Amino acid sequence: MKFTDALLQKCYEQSFADTKDGSEVLRQVHALIRVYDWFQMLEGQHSSRVHELIGHLLLPELRAGLREWYQRPGAKTDSATVELRTQLSRLAGEQLETPAEISTTEPMNPSDR
């Protein structure tokens, strides 16, 4: 994962190296959230670093890992975690803590909506 900010890159790489459990994608999400928490605490919600981290968390290739992160047993439910999850859900346009519905029937025709 590449960042425009060198300090973000260093912090992410260290956090990713410290994260040992889970799939590659889940480790990426965990590392991103840890670094997000740190910079959000230090620099505030409107920091360019915090915005860059949110952008990475919302990458399409990380979406399954992000859903898995919030759906795993024992996921934190403290106010800061819920606030970030709510913000990411709103930006992603889906409820990340709710398992995606898997349809066993044919896909709906757009004209049926």
C-alpha atoms as a PDB file:
ATOM      1  CA  MET A   1       0.000   0.000   0.000  1.00  0.00           C
ATOM      2  CA  LYS A   2       1.396   3.382  -0.973  1.00  0.00           C
ATOM      3  CA  PHE A   3       0.724   6.739   0.678  1.00  0.00           C
ATOM      4  CA  THR A   4       1.560  10.245  -0.486  1.00  0.00           C
ATOM      5  CA  ASP A   5       2.693  11.152   3.041  1.00  0.00           C
ATOM      6  CA  ALA A   6       6.039   9.614   4.100  1.00  0.00           C
ATOM      7  CA  LEU A   7       5.136   9.539   7.801  1.00  0.00           C
ATOM      8  CA  LEU A   8       1.868   7.734   7.033  1.00  0.00           C
ATOM      9  CA  GLN A   9       3.808   5.227   4.947  1.00  0.00           C
ATOM     10  CA  LYS A  10       6.240   4.545   7.779  1.00  0.00           C
ATOM     11  CA  CYS A  11       3.499   4.237  10.416  1.00  0.00           C
ATOM     12  CA  TYR A  12       1.382   1.979   8.206  1.00  0.00           C
ATOM     13  CA  GLU A  13       4.308  -0.310   7.383  1.00  0.00           C
ATOM     14  CA  GLN A  14       5.192  -0.642  11.074  1.00  0.00           C
ATOM     15  CA  SER A  15       1.587  -1.280  12.066  1.00  0.00           C
ATOM     16  CA  PHE A  16       1.149  -3.831   9.267  1.00  0.00           C
ATOM     17  CA  ALA A  17       4.330  -5.644  10.351  1.00  0.00           C
ATOM     18  CA  ASP A  18       3.020  -5.756  13.948  1.00  0.00           C
ATOM     19  CA  THR A  19      -0.318  -7.212  12.825  1.00  0.00           C
ATOM     20  CA  LYS A  20       0.128 -10.972  12.555  1.00  0.00           C
ATOM     21  CA  ASP A  21      -3.379 -12.488  12.631  1.00  0.00           C
ATOM     22  CA  GLY A  22      -5.828 -12.786   9.765  1.00  0.00           C
ATOM     23  CA  SER A  23      -5.762 -12.619   6.011  1.00  0.00           C
ATOM     24  CA  GLU A  24      -3.629 -10.116   4.119  1.00  0.00           C
ATOM     25  CA  VAL A  25      -6.649  -7.856   3.547  1.00  0.00           C
ATOM     26  CA  LEU A  26      -7.758  -8.052   7.178  1.00  0.00           C
ATOM     27  CA  ARG A  27      -4.212  -7.199   8.303  1.00  0.00           C
ATOM     28  CA  GLN A  28      -4.252  -4.179   5.966  1.00  0.00           C
ATOM     29  CA  VAL A  29      -7.572  -2.983   7.390  1.00  0.00           C
ATOM     30  CA  HIS A  30      -6.349  -3.494  10.957  1.00  0.00           C
ATOM     31  CA  ALA A  31      -3.139  -1.551  10.264  1.00  0.00           C
ATOM     32  CA  LEU A  32      -5.051   1.267   8.534  1.00  0.00           C
ATOM     33  CA  ILE A  33      -7.487   1.597  11.438  1.00  0.00           C
ATOM     34  CA  ARG A  34      -4.666   1.636  13.992  1.00  0.00           C
ATOM     35  CA  VAL A  35      -2.856   4.400  12.089  1.00  0.00           C
ATOM     36  CA  TYR A  36      -6.148   6.246  11.539  1.00  0.00           C
ATOM     37  CA  ASP A  37      -6.858   6.167  15.307  1.00  0.00           C
ATOM     38  CA  TRP A  38      -3.390   7.536  16.042  1.00  0.00           C
ATOM     39  CA  PHE A  39      -3.481  10.433  13.565  1.00  0.00           C
ATOM     40  CA  GLN A  40      -7.106  11.262  14.300  1.00  0.00           C
ATOM     41  CA  MET A  41      -6.168  11.611  17.974  1.00  0.00           C
ATOM     42  CA  LEU A  42      -3.045  13.688  17.211  1.00  0.00           C
ATOM     43  CA  GLU A  43      -4.228  15.854  14.328  1.00  0.00           C
ATOM     44  CA  GLY A  44      -8.018  15.747  14.381  1.00  0.00           C
ATOM     45  CA  GLN A  45     -10.697  14.587  11.989  1.00  0.00           C
ATOM     46  CA  HIS A  46      -9.902  17.163   9.291  1.00  0.00           C
ATOM     47  CA  SER A  47      -6.214  16.315   8.971  1.00  0.00           C
ATOM     48  CA  SER A  48      -5.006  15.532   5.447  1.00  0.00           C
ATOM     49  CA  ARG A  49      -3.406  12.356   6.825  1.00  0.00           C
ATOM     50  CA  VAL A  50      -6.712  11.232   8.321  1.00  0.00           C
ATOM     51  CA  HIS A  51      -8.437  11.912   4.988  1.00  0.00           C
ATOM     52  CA  GLU A  52      -5.818   9.886   3.133  1.00  0.00           C
ATOM     53  CA  LEU A  53      -6.315   6.973   5.534  1.00  0.00           C
ATOM     54  CA  ILE A  54     -10.089   7.078   5.042  1.00  0.00           C
ATOM     55  CA  GLY A  55      -9.529   7.021   1.291  1.00  0.00           C
ATOM     56  CA  HIS A  56      -7.414   3.888   1.624  1.00  0.00           C
ATOM     57  CA  LEU A  57      -9.957   2.217   3.926  1.00  0.00           C
ATOM     58  CA  LEU A  58     -12.635   2.766   1.273  1.00  0.00           C
ATOM     59  CA  LEU A  59     -10.655   1.255  -1.603  1.00  0.00           C
ATOM     60  CA  PRO A  60     -12.772  -1.340  -3.443  1.00  0.00           C
ATOM     61  CA  GLU A  61     -10.107  -4.021  -2.969  1.00  0.00           C
ATOM     62  CA  LEU A  62     -10.324  -3.585   0.823  1.00  0.00           C
ATOM     63  CA  ARG A  63     -14.134  -3.538   1.076  1.00  0.00           C
ATOM     64  CA  ALA A  64     -14.481  -7.259   1.900  1.00  0.00           C
ATOM     65  CA  GLY A  65     -11.801  -6.920   4.587  1.00  0.00           C
ATOM     66  CA  LEU A  66     -13.489  -3.844   6.020  1.00  0.00           C
ATOM     67  CA  ARG A  67     -16.812  -5.703   6.254  1.00  0.00           C
ATOM     68  CA  GLU A  68     -15.036  -8.675   7.843  1.00  0.00           C
ATOM     69  CA  TRP A  69     -13.346  -6.351  10.360  1.00  0.00           C
ATOM     70  CA  TYR A  70     -16.650  -4.937  11.580  1.00  0.00           C
ATOM     71  CA  GLN A  71     -18.510  -8.286  11.466  1.00  0.00           C
ATOM     72  CA  ARG A  72     -15.966 -10.375  13.338  1.00  0.00           C
ATOM     73  CA  PRO A  73     -16.891 -11.800  16.747  1.00  0.00           C
ATOM     74  CA  GLY A  74     -15.668  -9.565  19.541  1.00  0.00           C
ATOM     75  CA  ALA A  75     -15.454  -6.448  17.363  1.00  0.00           C
ATOM     76  CA  LYS A  76     -15.118  -3.366  19.529  1.00  0.00           C
ATOM     77  CA  THR A  77     -18.236  -1.325  20.126  1.00  0.00           C
ATOM     78  CA  ASP A  78     -16.774   1.674  21.926  1.00  0.00           C
ATOM     79  CA  SER A  79     -17.988   5.083  20.761  1.00  0.00           C
ATOM     80  CA  ALA A  80     -14.890   5.894  18.659  1.00  0.00           C
ATOM     81  CA  THR A  81     -15.134   2.561  16.814  1.00  0.00           C
ATOM     82  CA  VAL A  82     -18.856   2.979  16.196  1.00  0.00           C
ATOM     83  CA  GLU A  83     -18.302   6.553  15.000  1.00  0.00           C
ATOM     84  CA  LEU A  84     -15.633   5.472  12.474  1.00  0.00           C
ATOM     85  CA  ARG A  85     -17.750   2.515  11.337  1.00  0.00           C
ATOM     86  CA  THR A  86     -20.750   4.815  10.848  1.00  0.00           C
ATOM     87  CA  GLN A  87     -18.667   7.318   8.881  1.00  0.00           C
ATOM     88  CA  LEU A  88     -17.141   4.612   6.668  1.00  0.00           C
ATOM     89  CA  SER A  89     -20.557   2.982   6.150  1.00  0.00           C
ATOM     90  CA  ARG A  90     -22.024   6.306   5.065  1.00  0.00           C
ATOM     91  CA  LEU A  91     -19.152   6.998   2.669  1.00  0.00           C
ATOM     92  CA  ALA A  92     -19.198   3.439   1.305  1.00  0.00           C
ATOM     93  CA  GLY A  93     -22.974   3.442   0.913  1.00  0.00           C
ATOM     94  CA  GLU A  94     -23.455   0.210   2.845  1.00  0.00           C
ATOM     95  CA  GLN A  95     -23.784  -1.002   6.420  1.00  0.00           C
ATOM     96  CA  LEU A  96     -20.346  -2.540   7.019  1.00  0.00           C
ATOM     97  CA  GLU A  97     -21.391  -4.343  10.190  1.00  0.00           C
ATOM     98  CA  THR A  98     -24.273  -6.110   8.426  1.00  0.00           C
ATOM     99  CA  PRO A  99     -23.392  -9.220   6.429  1.00  0.00           C
ATOM    100  CA  ALA A 100     -23.922  -8.756   2.716  1.00  0.00           C
ATOM    101  CA  GLU A 101     -27.007 -10.556   1.529  1.00  0.00           C
ATOM    102  CA  ILE A 102     -26.307 -13.396  -0.835  1.00  0.00           C
ATOM    103  CA  SER A 103     -29.127 -13.976  -3.239  1.00  0.00           C
ATOM    104  CA  THR A 104     -29.894 -17.556  -4.222  1.00  0.00           C
ATOM    105  CA  THR A 105     -32.337 -16.399  -6.871  1.00  0.00           C
ATOM    106  CA  GLU A 106     -31.744 -14.692 -10.156  1.00  0.00           C
ATOM    107  CA  PRO A 107     -30.523 -11.092  -9.972  1.00  0.00           C
ATOM    108  CA  MET A 108     -33.241  -8.491  -9.991  1.00  0.00           C
ATOM    109  CA  ASN A 109     -33.865  -6.800 -13.285  1.00  0.00           C
ATOM    110  CA  PRO A 110     -33.224  -3.039 -12.848  1.00  0.00           C
ATOM    111  CA  SER A 111     -36.629  -2.309 -14.369  1.00  0.00           C
ATOM    112  CA  ASP A 112     -38.256  -4.320 -11.525  1.00  0.00           C
ATOM    113  CA  ARG A 113     -37.093  -1.857  -8.870  1.00  0.00           C
END
